[in-house]
Protein backbone atom coordinates (compact mmCIF):
# COMPACT_ATOMS: atom_id res chain seq x y z
CA MET A 1 -110.48 -104.78 149.00
CA PRO A 2 -109.14 -108.20 149.99
CA ARG A 3 -110.59 -111.12 148.18
CA GLY A 4 -110.40 -114.78 149.08
CA LEU A 5 -112.32 -117.90 149.87
CA LEU A 6 -115.69 -117.26 151.41
CA PHE A 7 -118.07 -120.06 152.38
CA GLY A 8 -116.06 -122.56 150.32
CA ARG A 9 -116.01 -120.62 147.04
CA GLN A 10 -114.08 -117.74 145.56
CA CYS A 11 -115.47 -114.26 146.26
CA THR A 12 -114.80 -111.84 143.40
CA SER A 13 -116.91 -108.81 144.18
CA ALA A 14 -115.83 -106.19 146.72
CA ILE A 15 -119.47 -105.47 147.63
CA HIS A 16 -120.12 -109.20 148.09
CA TRP A 17 -117.03 -109.45 150.35
CA LYS A 18 -118.13 -106.47 152.49
CA TYR A 19 -121.63 -107.90 152.89
CA HIS A 20 -120.42 -111.34 154.01
CA THR A 21 -117.86 -109.96 156.48
CA LYS A 22 -120.62 -107.85 158.08
CA VAL A 23 -122.86 -110.93 158.28
CA GLN A 24 -120.07 -113.02 159.81
CA ASN A 25 -119.24 -110.30 162.37
CA SER A 26 -122.90 -110.00 163.38
CA ILE A 27 -123.23 -113.79 163.76
CA ASN A 28 -120.02 -114.32 165.74
CA LYS A 29 -120.44 -112.01 168.73
CA ARG A 30 -117.32 -113.16 170.52
CA PRO A 31 -115.08 -110.69 172.30
CA VAL A 32 -111.76 -110.07 170.60
CA VAL A 33 -108.83 -111.27 172.72
CA PRO A 34 -105.52 -109.67 171.72
CA PHE A 35 -102.17 -111.51 171.73
CA VAL A 36 -103.61 -115.01 172.15
CA GLN A 37 -100.78 -116.96 170.53
CA TYR A 38 -97.96 -114.92 172.05
CA TRP A 39 -95.96 -115.40 175.25
CA MET A 40 -93.02 -113.68 176.91
CA ARG A 41 -90.92 -114.33 179.99
CA VAL A 42 -88.40 -112.15 181.78
CA LEU A 43 -84.79 -113.30 181.77
CA PRO A 44 -82.29 -112.35 184.48
CA PRO A 45 -80.03 -109.41 183.58
CA ARG A 46 -76.49 -109.98 182.33
CA LYS A 47 -73.45 -108.27 183.81
CA ASN A 48 -73.00 -105.51 181.22
CA THR A 49 -76.69 -104.78 180.59
CA PRO A 50 -77.75 -101.13 181.10
CA ALA A 51 -80.22 -100.39 183.91
CA ASN A 52 -83.09 -99.51 181.58
CA THR A 53 -82.73 -102.61 179.32
CA VAL A 54 -84.75 -105.73 180.07
CA MET A 55 -84.30 -109.13 178.42
CA PHE A 56 -87.32 -111.25 177.46
CA GLU A 57 -87.60 -114.66 175.88
CA CYS A 58 -90.53 -114.56 173.46
CA SER A 59 -92.30 -116.67 170.86
CA PHE A 60 -90.76 -116.86 167.39
CA GLN A 61 -93.89 -115.42 165.75
CA MET A 62 -93.52 -112.03 167.45
CA ASN A 63 -91.81 -109.20 165.60
CA LYS A 64 -90.48 -105.96 167.10
CA ALA A 65 -93.72 -103.99 166.67
CA GLU A 66 -95.78 -106.76 168.28
CA ILE A 67 -93.36 -107.01 171.23
CA LYS A 68 -93.69 -103.26 171.79
CA ASP A 69 -97.51 -103.40 171.54
CA TYR A 70 -97.61 -106.42 173.87
CA LEU A 71 -95.66 -104.65 176.61
CA THR A 72 -97.40 -101.29 176.26
CA GLU A 73 -100.98 -102.64 176.14
CA LEU A 74 -100.79 -105.44 178.70
CA TYR A 75 -98.20 -104.17 181.18
CA LYS A 76 -98.33 -100.38 180.57
CA LEU A 77 -94.55 -100.08 180.07
CA ASP A 78 -93.02 -97.13 178.20
CA VAL A 79 -90.92 -98.87 175.52
CA VAL A 80 -88.29 -96.81 173.68
CA SER A 81 -86.78 -99.49 171.42
CA VAL A 82 -86.76 -103.25 170.83
CA ALA A 83 -83.93 -105.40 169.47
CA THR A 84 -84.34 -109.13 168.82
CA GLU A 85 -81.89 -111.99 168.55
CA VAL A 86 -82.28 -115.70 167.77
CA VAL A 87 -80.00 -117.85 169.94
CA ASP A 88 -79.12 -121.38 168.87
CA GLY A 89 -79.96 -124.18 171.26
CA GLU A 90 -77.21 -125.80 173.27
CA ARG A 91 -75.73 -128.94 171.71
CA PHE A 92 -74.44 -131.82 173.78
CA LYS A 93 -73.55 -135.47 173.29
CA ILE A 94 -75.20 -138.41 175.03
CA MET A 95 -73.58 -141.82 175.34
CA ILE A 96 -76.16 -144.60 174.88
CA PRO A 97 -75.13 -148.20 175.60
CA ASP A 98 -75.16 -150.55 172.59
CA VAL A 99 -75.90 -147.58 170.27
CA GLY A 100 -73.02 -145.21 170.75
CA GLU A 101 -72.80 -141.47 170.95
CA LYS A 102 -75.79 -139.30 169.96
CA THR A 103 -75.94 -135.53 169.61
CA HIS A 104 -78.90 -133.68 171.14
CA THR A 105 -79.82 -130.03 170.53
CA ASN A 106 -82.03 -127.95 172.80
CA PRO A 107 -84.62 -125.77 171.05
CA HIS A 108 -83.61 -122.35 169.75
CA LYS A 109 -84.75 -119.20 171.57
CA LYS A 110 -85.76 -115.73 170.48
CA ILE A 111 -84.56 -113.04 172.87
CA ALA A 112 -85.85 -109.47 172.88
CA TYR A 113 -83.80 -106.65 174.37
CA VAL A 114 -86.29 -103.96 175.38
CA THR A 115 -85.12 -100.47 176.29
CA LEU A 116 -87.55 -98.76 178.66
CA LYS A 117 -88.11 -95.07 179.26
CA ASP A 118 -88.01 -95.55 183.05
CA VAL A 119 -84.60 -96.43 184.45
CA ASP A 120 -85.95 -98.08 187.61
CA PHE A 121 -87.22 -101.47 186.43
CA LYS A 122 -87.73 -103.95 189.26
CA TYR A 123 -87.34 -107.58 188.31
CA PRO A 124 -90.00 -109.88 189.78
CA GLY A 125 -88.93 -111.89 192.80
CA THR A 126 -85.82 -109.82 193.55
CA GLY A 127 -87.20 -107.69 196.38
CA PRO A 128 -86.70 -108.31 200.10
CA VAL A 129 -88.63 -111.25 201.49
CA ASP A 130 -90.53 -110.85 204.77
CA LYS A 131 -89.43 -113.86 206.88
CA THR A 132 -91.67 -113.02 209.86
CA GLU A 133 -94.80 -114.25 208.06
CA GLU A 134 -93.19 -117.63 207.38
CA LEU A 135 -92.03 -117.96 211.00
CA THR A 136 -95.42 -117.11 212.48
CA LEU A 137 -97.16 -119.63 210.23
CA THR A 138 -94.74 -122.43 211.09
CA GLU A 139 -94.92 -121.72 214.84
CA SER A 140 -98.72 -121.70 214.91
CA ASP A 141 -98.90 -124.91 212.85
CA SER A 142 -96.50 -126.75 215.18
CA SER A 143 -98.35 -125.67 218.36
CA GLU A 144 -101.75 -126.87 217.07
CA SER A 145 -100.59 -130.46 216.48
């Protein structure tokens, strides 16, 4: 049984710990929200990427198992494998008058390469756009004024 600080003092008994966790769970009747501190965003595919591999930028706290759980539970994707990589931020120099040259570094990124079971993954925003809706809206707006 885990032991630790409970109500500001050390809890040593396993029975005592069980009792207080039950009391705390009955008092705090909040719904459990999974993956609160995590985020992911889809990156565009590279030239030599296989069709069933998708690239995501994710938070540094996520490990491979949590990335897989995140995608299967929230987006119902069939994940076969996950590989992660930490990419250093881009460094560049800035010339500041009266100070000189300063080096700036962009933040580092964690990239996850996710291999899906389905080969046909459609990236968001890459499908055909229906231009007729935009034209009808602009024509009706111009005729009213």
